[in-house]
N, C-alpha and C. Protein backbone atom coordinates (compact mmCIF):
# COMPACT_ATOMS: atom_id res chain seq x y z
N MET A 1 -0.95 7.59 -20.96
CA MET A 1 -1.88 7.70 -20.33
C MET A 1 -2.13 6.07 -19.92
N GLY A 2 -2.24 5.63 -18.83
CA GLY A 2 -2.63 4.26 -18.45
C GLY A 2 -4.10 3.64 -18.66
N GLU A 3 -4.00 2.42 -18.52
CA GLU A 3 -5.63 1.84 -18.55
C GLU A 3 -6.28 1.84 -17.29
N ILE A 4 -7.26 2.34 -17.31
CA ILE A 4 -7.74 1.88 -15.63
C ILE A 4 -8.21 0.55 -15.79
N PRO A 5 -8.15 -0.17 -14.53
CA PRO A 5 -8.21 -1.40 -14.02
C PRO A 5 -9.59 -1.81 -14.18
N SER A 6 -9.89 -3.07 -14.46
CA SER A 6 -11.43 -3.31 -14.78
C SER A 6 -12.34 -3.50 -13.57
N ASP A 7 -11.63 -4.10 -12.48
CA ASP A 7 -12.77 -3.35 -11.34
C ASP A 7 -13.14 -2.27 -11.05
N ILE A 8 -12.16 -1.15 -11.21
CA ILE A 8 -12.57 0.52 -11.18
C ILE A 8 -13.38 0.86 -11.98
N ARG A 9 -13.02 0.06 -13.24
CA ARG A 9 -14.11 0.94 -14.70
C ARG A 9 -15.62 0.03 -14.39
N ALA A 10 -15.61 -1.02 -13.72
CA ALA A 10 -17.08 -1.34 -13.17
C ALA A 10 -17.91 -0.85 -12.07
N ILE A 11 -16.78 -0.09 -11.18
CA ILE A 11 -17.22 0.86 -10.43
C ILE A 11 -17.87 1.96 -11.00
N LEU A 12 -17.27 2.73 -11.80
CA LEU A 12 -17.24 3.78 -12.32
C LEU A 12 -18.74 3.53 -13.49
N GLU A 13 -18.60 2.48 -13.98
CA GLU A 13 -19.85 2.49 -15.04
C GLU A 13 -20.98 2.14 -14.14
N ALA A 14 -21.13 1.57 -12.99
CA ALA A 14 -22.14 1.17 -11.86
C ALA A 14 -22.68 2.84 -11.83
N LEU A 15 -21.66 3.46 -11.09
CA LEU A 15 -21.99 4.97 -10.65
C LEU A 15 -22.66 5.73 -11.61
N ALA A 16 -22.02 5.63 -13.00
CA ALA A 16 -22.63 6.17 -14.05
C ALA A 16 -24.23 6.14 -14.40
N ARG A 17 -24.55 4.58 -14.40
CA ARG A 17 -25.87 4.02 -14.43
C ARG A 17 -26.62 4.39 -13.19
N LYS A 18 -25.83 5.13 -12.11
CA LYS A 18 -27.10 5.47 -10.87
C LYS A 18 -27.24 4.01 -10.05
N ASP A 19 -26.42 3.33 -10.47
CA ASP A 19 -26.85 1.64 -9.93
C ASP A 19 -26.35 1.55 -8.53
N ILE A 20 -25.15 2.57 -7.94
CA ILE A 20 -24.55 2.46 -6.77
C ILE A 20 -24.73 4.38 -6.30
N SER A 21 -24.45 4.46 -5.33
CA SER A 21 -24.18 5.55 -4.73
C SER A 21 -22.64 6.24 -4.75
N ILE A 22 -22.61 7.46 -4.44
CA ILE A 22 -21.30 7.99 -4.65
C ILE A 22 -20.52 7.53 -3.28
N GLU A 23 -21.01 7.13 -1.99
CA GLU A 23 -20.59 6.74 -1.10
C GLU A 23 -20.16 5.32 -1.26
N GLU A 24 -21.24 4.62 -1.96
CA GLU A 24 -20.73 2.79 -2.16
C GLU A 24 -19.72 2.98 -2.91
N ALA A 25 -19.70 3.56 -4.09
CA ALA A 25 -18.37 3.93 -5.09
C ALA A 25 -16.99 4.01 -3.97
N GLU A 26 -17.43 5.00 -3.43
CA GLU A 26 -15.96 5.43 -2.78
C GLU A 26 -15.48 4.07 -1.94
N GLN A 27 -16.49 3.45 -1.18
CA GLN A 27 -16.05 2.62 -0.26
C GLN A 27 -15.42 1.40 -0.81
N LEU A 28 -16.19 0.71 -2.21
CA LEU A 28 -15.44 -0.15 -3.05
C LEU A 28 -14.29 0.28 -3.84
N ILE A 29 -14.10 1.34 -3.97
CA ILE A 29 -12.60 1.89 -4.30
C ILE A 29 -11.64 1.51 -3.16
N LEU A 30 -11.93 2.32 -2.09
CA LEU A 30 -10.82 2.05 -1.17
C LEU A 30 -10.83 1.00 -0.60
N SER A 31 -11.59 -0.27 -0.90
CA SER A 31 -11.02 -1.37 -0.47
C SER A 31 -10.40 -2.45 -1.43
N ILE A 32 -10.45 -1.80 -2.80
CA ILE A 32 -9.74 -2.14 -3.58
C ILE A 32 -8.15 -1.71 -3.78
N LYS A 33 -8.53 -0.36 -3.05
CA LYS A 33 -6.73 -0.05 -3.11
C LYS A 33 -6.27 -0.21 -1.36
N GLN A 34 -7.20 -0.63 -0.64
CA GLN A 34 -6.37 -0.95 0.45
C GLN A 34 -5.75 -2.47 0.11
N LYS A 35 -6.56 -3.22 -0.58
CA LYS A 35 -6.33 -4.58 -0.77
C LYS A 35 -4.92 -4.55 -1.61
N GLU A 36 -4.91 -3.56 -2.61
CA GLU A 36 -3.34 -3.39 -3.33
C GLU A 36 -2.29 -3.24 -2.66
N SER A 37 -2.25 -2.24 -1.39
CA SER A 37 -1.33 -1.67 -0.63
C SER A 37 -1.00 -2.81 0.54
N TYR A 38 -2.04 -4.09 0.53
CA TYR A 38 -1.13 -5.17 1.60
C TYR A 38 -0.08 -5.83 0.99
N HIS A 39 0.10 -6.04 -0.57
CA HIS A 39 1.25 -6.67 -0.95
C HIS A 39 2.53 -5.95 -0.94
N SER A 40 3.55 -6.54 -0.41
CA SER A 40 4.86 -5.54 -0.64
C SER A 40 5.36 -5.93 -2.13
N PRO A 41 6.02 -4.97 -2.52
CA PRO A 41 6.46 -4.88 -4.02
C PRO A 41 7.22 -5.75 -4.42
N LYS A 42 8.08 -6.91 -3.30
CA LYS A 42 9.20 -7.80 -3.68
C LYS A 42 8.37 -9.15 -3.68
N GLU A 43 7.03 -9.30 -3.17
CA GLU A 43 6.06 -10.78 -3.30
C GLU A 43 5.78 -10.86 -4.68
N LYS A 44 6.12 -11.87 -4.69
CA LYS A 44 5.99 -12.57 -6.10
C LYS A 44 4.41 -13.34 -5.91
N LYS A 45 3.58 -12.85 -6.96
CA LYS A 45 2.07 -13.24 -6.96
C LYS A 45 1.83 -14.23 -7.83
N TYR A 46 1.19 -15.17 -7.57
CA TYR A 46 0.41 -16.16 -8.60
C TYR A 46 -1.05 -15.85 -8.31
N GLU A 47 -1.86 -16.09 -9.45
CA GLU A 47 -3.38 -15.95 -9.50
C GLU A 47 -3.71 -16.98 -10.20
N LYS A 48 -4.86 -17.51 -9.76
CA LYS A 48 -5.79 -18.62 -10.35
C LYS A 48 -7.11 -17.98 -10.45
N SER A 49 -7.80 -18.25 -11.71
CA SER A 49 -8.94 -17.67 -11.71
C SER A 49 -9.92 -18.93 -12.05
N VAL A 50 -11.22 -18.99 -11.41
CA VAL A 50 -12.13 -20.19 -11.43
C VAL A 50 -13.15 -19.30 -12.10
N LEU A 51 -13.57 -19.88 -12.93
CA LEU A 51 -14.92 -19.37 -13.81
C LEU A 51 -15.77 -20.35 -14.09
N GLY A 52 -16.96 -20.20 -13.15
CA GLY A 52 -18.09 -21.54 -13.64
C GLY A 52 -17.47 -22.98 -13.38
N LYS A 53 -16.52 -22.75 -12.24
CA LYS A 53 -16.18 -24.62 -11.98
C LYS A 53 -16.56 -24.76 -10.77
N GLU A 54 -15.72 -26.25 -10.19
CA GLU A 54 -15.97 -26.23 -8.88
C GLU A 54 -14.13 -25.99 -8.68
N PHE A 55 -13.86 -25.65 -7.30
CA PHE A 55 -12.60 -25.30 -6.79
C PHE A 55 -12.46 -26.25 -5.42
N VAL A 56 -11.65 -27.03 -5.28
CA VAL A 56 -11.77 -27.93 -3.87
C VAL A 56 -10.02 -27.79 -3.23
N LEU A 57 -9.99 -27.28 -2.37
CA LEU A 57 -8.64 -27.49 -1.59
C LEU A 57 -8.88 -28.00 -0.34
N HIS A 58 -8.37 -29.26 -0.30
CA HIS A 58 -8.73 -30.48 0.63
C HIS A 58 -7.82 -30.15 1.91
N LYS A 59 -8.15 -30.66 3.31
CA LYS A 59 -7.78 -30.20 4.48
C LYS A 59 -6.09 -30.85 4.14
N GLY A 60 -5.25 -30.08 4.56
CA GLY A 60 -3.69 -30.44 4.54
C GLY A 60 -3.20 -29.72 3.40
N GLU A 61 -4.03 -29.58 2.14
CA GLU A 61 -3.31 -28.80 0.81
C GLU A 61 -3.08 -27.33 1.09
N GLU A 62 -2.27 -26.93 0.38
CA GLU A 62 -1.87 -25.61 0.42
C GLU A 62 -1.79 -24.78 -0.82
N TYR A 63 -2.42 -23.89 -0.93
CA TYR A 63 -2.24 -23.02 -2.09
C TYR A 63 -1.63 -21.78 -1.87
N THR A 64 -0.49 -21.27 -2.76
CA THR A 64 0.33 -19.96 -2.82
C THR A 64 -0.09 -19.02 -3.91
N GLY A 65 -0.72 -18.12 -3.28
CA GLY A 65 -1.00 -17.19 -4.71
C GLY A 65 -2.42 -16.56 -4.31
N ASN A 66 -3.07 -15.73 -5.20
CA ASN A 66 -4.24 -15.58 -5.13
C ASN A 66 -5.26 -16.25 -5.77
N LEU A 67 -6.68 -16.02 -5.19
CA LEU A 67 -7.43 -17.37 -5.64
C LEU A 67 -8.67 -16.39 -6.37
N GLU A 68 -9.32 -16.18 -7.61
CA GLU A 68 -10.61 -15.36 -7.65
C GLU A 68 -11.36 -16.33 -8.52
N ALA A 69 -12.70 -16.12 -8.03
CA ALA A 69 -13.74 -17.19 -8.90
C ALA A 69 -15.04 -16.47 -8.88
N VAL A 70 -15.60 -16.65 -10.05
CA VAL A 70 -17.09 -16.11 -10.40
C VAL A 70 -17.59 -17.64 -10.58
N ASN A 71 -19.05 -17.24 -10.14
CA ASN A 71 -20.02 -18.37 -10.30
C ASN A 71 -19.81 -19.81 -10.44
N SER A 72 -18.81 -20.16 -9.80
CA SER A 72 -18.75 -21.34 -9.21
C SER A 72 -19.08 -22.00 -7.62
N LYS A 73 -18.36 -23.60 -7.55
CA LYS A 73 -18.77 -23.69 -6.37
C LYS A 73 -17.30 -23.98 -5.49
N ILE A 74 -17.04 -23.31 -4.52
CA ILE A 74 -15.69 -23.20 -3.75
C ILE A 74 -15.65 -24.14 -2.68
N VAL A 75 -14.64 -24.92 -2.08
CA VAL A 75 -14.48 -25.49 -0.97
C VAL A 75 -13.08 -25.17 -0.39
N ILE A 76 -13.31 -24.52 0.76
CA ILE A 76 -11.79 -24.25 1.21
C ILE A 76 -11.53 -24.97 2.52
N GLU A 77 -10.78 -26.07 2.56
CA GLU A 77 -10.55 -26.75 4.00
C GLU A 77 -8.94 -26.40 4.37
N GLY A 78 -8.19 -26.46 2.98
CA GLY A 78 -6.73 -26.18 3.64
C GLY A 78 -6.40 -24.75 3.41
N THR A 79 -5.21 -24.25 3.10
CA THR A 79 -4.46 -23.17 3.48
C THR A 79 -4.23 -22.41 2.21
N ILE A 80 -4.49 -21.29 2.21
CA ILE A 80 -4.56 -20.06 1.06
C ILE A 80 -3.30 -19.45 1.57
N ASN A 81 -2.32 -19.30 0.71
CA ASN A 81 -1.32 -17.98 0.96
C ASN A 81 -1.24 -17.19 0.20
N GLY A 82 -2.32 -16.22 0.42
CA GLY A 82 -2.81 -15.09 -0.35
C GLY A 82 -4.22 -14.53 -0.26
N ASP A 83 -4.70 -13.80 -1.02
CA ASP A 83 -6.23 -13.64 -1.07
C ASP A 83 -6.99 -14.17 -1.80
N LEU A 84 -8.21 -14.11 -1.22
CA LEU A 84 -9.67 -15.14 -2.18
C LEU A 84 -10.90 -13.85 -2.09
N GLU A 85 -10.96 -13.84 -3.64
CA GLU A 85 -11.66 -12.78 -4.11
C GLU A 85 -12.83 -14.02 -4.64
N ILE A 86 -13.74 -13.88 -4.20
CA ILE A 86 -15.40 -14.45 -5.00
C ILE A 86 -16.39 -13.83 -5.37
N ALA A 87 -17.01 -14.19 -6.18
CA ALA A 87 -18.49 -13.24 -6.64
C ALA A 87 -19.22 -14.48 -7.13
N PHE A 88 -20.35 -14.20 -6.94
CA PHE A 88 -21.63 -15.23 -6.97
C PHE A 88 -21.46 -16.64 -7.03
N CYS A 89 -20.89 -17.06 -5.97
CA CYS A 89 -20.30 -18.61 -5.71
C CYS A 89 -21.09 -19.16 -4.44
N ASP A 90 -21.23 -20.42 -4.59
CA ASP A 90 -21.53 -21.05 -3.10
C ASP A 90 -20.44 -21.58 -2.38
N VAL A 91 -20.03 -21.31 -1.63
CA VAL A 91 -18.66 -21.12 -0.76
C VAL A 91 -19.28 -22.26 0.60
N SER A 92 -18.20 -23.37 0.84
CA SER A 92 -17.96 -23.98 2.13
C SER A 92 -16.56 -23.52 2.26
N PHE A 93 -16.38 -22.69 3.99
CA PHE A 93 -15.25 -22.49 3.81
C PHE A 93 -15.16 -23.20 5.73
N SER A 94 -13.67 -23.61 5.73
CA SER A 94 -13.33 -24.00 6.93
C SER A 94 -11.88 -24.41 7.24
N GLY A 95 -11.40 -23.50 6.15
CA GLY A 95 -9.65 -23.52 6.19
C GLY A 95 -8.83 -22.29 6.84
N GLU A 96 -8.04 -22.02 6.28
CA GLU A 96 -7.10 -20.94 6.46
C GLU A 96 -6.82 -19.84 5.09
N VAL A 97 -7.00 -18.48 5.37
CA VAL A 97 -6.67 -17.64 4.16
C VAL A 97 -5.45 -16.80 5.04
N LYS A 98 -4.30 -16.39 4.19
CA LYS A 98 -3.53 -15.76 5.06
C LYS A 98 -3.51 -14.11 4.52
N GLY A 99 -4.25 -13.87 3.75
CA GLY A 99 -4.54 -12.60 3.14
C GLY A 99 -5.89 -12.21 3.37
N ASN A 100 -6.22 -11.08 2.46
CA ASN A 100 -7.80 -10.97 2.72
C ASN A 100 -8.59 -11.82 1.85
N VAL A 101 -9.85 -11.62 2.42
CA VAL A 101 -11.30 -12.34 1.83
C VAL A 101 -12.21 -11.70 1.31
N GLN A 102 -12.68 -11.42 0.27
CA GLN A 102 -13.55 -10.62 -0.47
C GLN A 102 -14.62 -11.31 -0.99
N LEU A 103 -15.91 -11.38 -0.57
CA LEU A 103 -17.26 -12.11 -0.79
C LEU A 103 -18.15 -11.29 -1.54
N VAL A 104 -18.55 -11.38 -2.90
CA VAL A 104 -19.57 -10.60 -3.27
C VAL A 104 -20.69 -11.46 -3.77
N GLY A 105 -22.15 -10.93 -3.13
CA GLY A 105 -23.26 -12.20 -3.77
C GLY A 105 -23.11 -13.33 -3.83
N SER A 106 -22.55 -14.21 -2.72
CA SER A 106 -22.38 -15.41 -2.42
C SER A 106 -23.01 -16.08 -1.46
N THR A 107 -23.20 -17.42 -1.59
CA THR A 107 -23.85 -18.07 -0.36
C THR A 107 -22.79 -18.70 0.56
N ILE A 108 -22.69 -18.50 1.84
CA ILE A 108 -21.37 -19.04 2.38
C ILE A 108 -21.77 -20.20 3.55
N LYS A 109 -20.95 -21.16 3.33
CA LYS A 109 -21.48 -21.97 4.93
C LYS A 109 -20.09 -21.89 5.66
N TRP A 110 -20.01 -21.18 6.62
CA TRP A 110 -18.74 -21.25 7.37
C TRP A 110 -18.74 -22.53 8.30
N ASN A 111 -17.63 -22.92 8.46
CA ASN A 111 -17.41 -23.94 9.29
C ASN A 111 -16.01 -23.50 10.23
N GLY A 112 -15.87 -22.40 10.86
CA GLY A 112 -14.65 -21.76 11.52
C GLY A 112 -13.73 -21.83 10.17
N GLY A 113 -12.57 -21.71 10.97
CA GLY A 113 -11.35 -21.55 9.96
C GLY A 113 -10.92 -20.10 10.46
N THR A 114 -9.54 -19.57 9.84
CA THR A 114 -8.85 -18.37 10.34
C THR A 114 -8.87 -17.52 9.02
N ILE A 115 -8.82 -16.25 8.99
CA ILE A 115 -8.63 -15.31 7.75
C ILE A 115 -7.56 -13.95 8.59
N GLY A 116 -6.26 -14.53 8.19
CA GLY A 116 -5.35 -13.32 8.39
C GLY A 116 -5.32 -12.20 7.94
N GLY A 117 -6.21 -11.53 7.25
CA GLY A 117 -6.18 -10.59 6.96
C GLY A 117 -7.70 -9.92 7.18
N ASN A 118 -8.37 -8.75 6.18
CA ASN A 118 -9.47 -8.36 6.40
C ASN A 118 -10.90 -9.13 5.81
N LEU A 119 -11.88 -9.00 6.28
CA LEU A 119 -12.87 -9.86 5.63
C LEU A 119 -13.82 -9.09 5.13
N GLU A 120 -14.49 -9.09 3.49
CA GLU A 120 -15.03 -8.01 3.24
C GLU A 120 -16.42 -8.81 2.54
N LEU A 121 -17.56 -8.60 3.17
CA LEU A 121 -18.94 -9.19 2.33
C LEU A 121 -19.80 -8.05 1.84
N VAL A 122 -20.14 -8.24 0.61
CA VAL A 122 -21.24 -7.61 -0.07
C VAL A 122 -22.39 -8.42 -0.64
N GLY A 123 -23.35 -8.22 0.29
CA GLY A 123 -24.46 -9.04 -0.43
C GLY A 123 -24.55 -10.32 -0.34
N CYS A 124 -23.98 -10.84 0.72
CA CYS A 124 -23.64 -12.25 1.03
C CYS A 124 -24.80 -12.89 1.83
N THR A 125 -25.01 -14.16 1.79
CA THR A 125 -25.95 -14.70 2.84
C THR A 125 -25.04 -16.11 3.31
N TYR A 126 -25.33 -15.94 4.66
CA TYR A 126 -24.47 -17.14 4.78
C TYR A 126 -24.88 -17.61 6.49
N SER A 127 -24.06 -18.87 6.78
CA SER A 127 -24.45 -19.62 7.71
C SER A 127 -23.39 -20.26 8.78
N GLY A 128 -23.53 -20.93 9.80
CA GLY A 128 -22.52 -21.56 10.62
C GLY A 128 -21.58 -20.56 11.23
N GLU A 129 -20.74 -21.20 11.86
CA GLU A 129 -19.48 -20.41 12.73
C GLU A 129 -18.43 -19.45 11.95
N ARG A 130 -18.46 -18.49 11.78
CA ARG A 130 -17.91 -17.70 11.44
C ARG A 130 -16.29 -17.75 11.67
N PRO A 131 -15.50 -17.52 10.57
CA PRO A 131 -13.96 -17.91 10.88
C PRO A 131 -13.27 -16.59 11.99
N LYS A 132 -12.50 -17.08 12.59
CA LYS A 132 -11.41 -15.93 13.64
C LYS A 132 -10.86 -14.88 12.26
N VAL A 133 -10.78 -13.66 12.26
CA VAL A 133 -10.49 -12.65 11.34
C VAL A 133 -9.79 -11.87 12.18
N THR A 134 -8.51 -11.89 11.69
CA THR A 134 -7.49 -10.92 12.52
C THR A 134 -7.56 -9.34 12.16
N GLY A 135 -7.86 -9.18 10.71
CA GLY A 135 -7.98 -7.62 10.47
C GLY A 135 -9.45 -7.22 10.57
N LYS A 136 -9.98 -6.34 9.72
CA LYS A 136 -11.38 -5.80 9.80
C LYS A 136 -12.38 -6.69 9.23
N VAL A 137 -13.54 -6.58 9.90
CA VAL A 137 -14.87 -7.16 9.19
C VAL A 137 -15.67 -6.06 8.88
N GLU A 138 -15.92 -6.19 7.54
CA GLU A 138 -17.15 -5.06 6.78
C GLU A 138 -18.02 -5.95 6.17
N GLU A 139 -19.23 -5.70 6.26
CA GLU A 139 -20.26 -6.17 5.79
C GLU A 139 -21.02 -5.08 4.93
N ILE A 140 -21.79 -5.10 3.82
CA ILE A 140 -22.70 -4.37 3.29
C ILE A 140 -23.74 -5.33 2.61
N ASN A 141 -24.82 -4.94 3.39
CA ASN A 141 -26.15 -6.05 3.03
C ASN A 141 -26.96 -5.26 2.99
N ASN A 142 -28.02 -5.09 2.01
CA ASN A 142 -29.03 -4.10 1.96
C ASN A 142 -29.84 -4.48 0.92
N PHE A 143 -31.19 -3.94 0.93
CA PHE A 143 -31.93 -4.14 -0.34
C PHE A 143 -31.32 -4.13 -1.68
N PHE A 144 -31.04 -2.73 -1.58
CA PHE A 144 -30.38 -1.81 -2.78
C PHE A 144 -29.50 -2.79 -3.78
N ILE A 145 -28.54 -3.15 -2.75
CA ILE A 145 -27.29 -4.19 -2.96
C ILE A 145 -27.62 -5.41 -3.71
N ASN A 146 -28.36 -5.75 -2.80
CA ASN A 146 -29.00 -7.22 -3.15
C ASN A 146 -29.84 -7.06 -4.36
N GLY A 147 -30.58 -6.20 -4.84
CA GLY A 147 -31.28 -5.97 -5.88
C GLY A 147 -30.22 -5.85 -7.21
N ILE A 148 -29.10 -5.09 -7.25
CA ILE A 148 -28.62 -4.63 -7.92
C ILE A 148 -27.44 -6.18 -8.24
N LEU A 149 -27.00 -6.92 -7.28
CA LEU A 149 -26.49 -7.88 -7.43
C LEU A 149 -26.96 -9.02 -8.04
N GLY A 150 -28.35 -8.94 -8.12
CA GLY A 150 -29.35 -10.06 -8.35
C GLY A 150 -29.27 -9.78 -9.75
N THR A 151 -29.31 -8.48 -10.22
CA THR A 151 -29.63 -7.90 -11.60
C THR A 151 -28.05 -8.52 -12.45
N VAL A 152 -27.21 -8.25 -11.81
CA VAL A 152 -26.10 -8.44 -12.47
C VAL A 152 -25.65 -9.97 -12.68
N LYS A 153 -26.13 -10.69 -11.55
CA LYS A 153 -25.90 -12.19 -11.71
C LYS A 153 -26.66 -12.67 -12.72
N TYR A 154 -27.80 -12.57 -13.04
CA TYR A 154 -28.80 -13.10 -13.65
C TYR A 154 -29.06 -12.63 -14.91
N LEU A 155 -28.27 -11.38 -15.20
CA LEU A 155 -28.76 -10.38 -16.36
C LEU A 155 -27.49 -10.40 -17.13
N VAL A 156 -26.39 -10.38 -16.30
CA VAL A 156 -25.04 -10.09 -16.99
C VAL A 156 -23.96 -11.16 -17.21
N VAL A 157 -23.69 -11.96 -15.67
CA VAL A 157 -22.86 -13.02 -15.42
C VAL A 157 -23.12 -14.23 -16.11
N LYS A 158 -24.60 -14.89 -15.89
CA LYS A 158 -25.05 -16.09 -16.40
C LYS A 158 -25.36 -15.96 -17.95
N PRO A 159 -25.81 -15.27 -18.36
CA PRO A 159 -25.46 -14.97 -19.97
C PRO A 159 -24.51 -15.26 -20.70
N PHE A 160 -23.58 -14.12 -20.29
CA PHE A 160 -22.08 -14.02 -20.58
C PHE A 160 -21.37 -15.60 -20.27
N LEU A 161 -21.48 -15.89 -19.16
CA LEU A 161 -20.83 -17.41 -18.90
C LEU A 161 -21.37 -18.47 -19.99
N SER A 162 -22.85 -18.49 -20.45
CA SER A 162 -23.35 -19.57 -21.07
C SER A 162 -23.20 -19.52 -22.63
N GLY A 163 -22.35 -17.97 -22.93
CA GLY A 163 -21.81 -18.11 -24.05
C GLY A 163 -20.33 -18.37 -24.32
N ILE A 164 -19.63 -18.72 -23.57
CA ILE A 164 -18.26 -18.85 -23.22
C ILE A 164 -18.07 -20.55 -23.06
N LYS A 165 -17.34 -21.08 -24.02
CA LYS A 165 -16.72 -22.84 -23.87
C LYS A 165 -15.64 -22.67 -23.32
N ILE A 166 -15.98 -23.27 -22.06
CA ILE A 166 -14.31 -23.21 -21.03
C ILE A 166 -13.65 -24.64 -21.40
N GLU A 167 -12.41 -24.27 -21.82
CA GLU A 167 -11.32 -25.35 -22.07
C GLU A 167 -10.19 -25.45 -21.04
N GLU A 168 -9.63 -26.43 -21.10
CA GLU A 168 -8.34 -26.41 -20.23
C GLU A 168 -7.26 -27.17 -20.86
């Protein structure tokens, strides 16, 4: 029997604690499954994780692969050939993502740009000119979700990250 992926496990744990409703859990799981089906099996995937740091992709630069960031400052002016998954970050976006973009609990400054897949926003605040999105745009932003995300960010993510020494 295989191990449950960490993102699905986190959703199930939140559901067990009654932090989210069954409908919200289903929506999050469907989003994850949809993201997984986006990639063809022959496609070579590269992933970069940014944890509590700054990541800048300047205009004219290109990154191939998926980019994941937690509790970081992210500036995207160039092109990402893959997906962008961000949680609890300060984001400035004016570039291009050729895959899906998922943002959770983040503050976003839009400056146009393009997204070649779907855009999913959960508990985010944003300003500026939103990018052109080829796929679907889904936004979940309500008092309940914002309360959960605030609790997760300040009671789980920040204390956890403060106990980790990041070395390169």
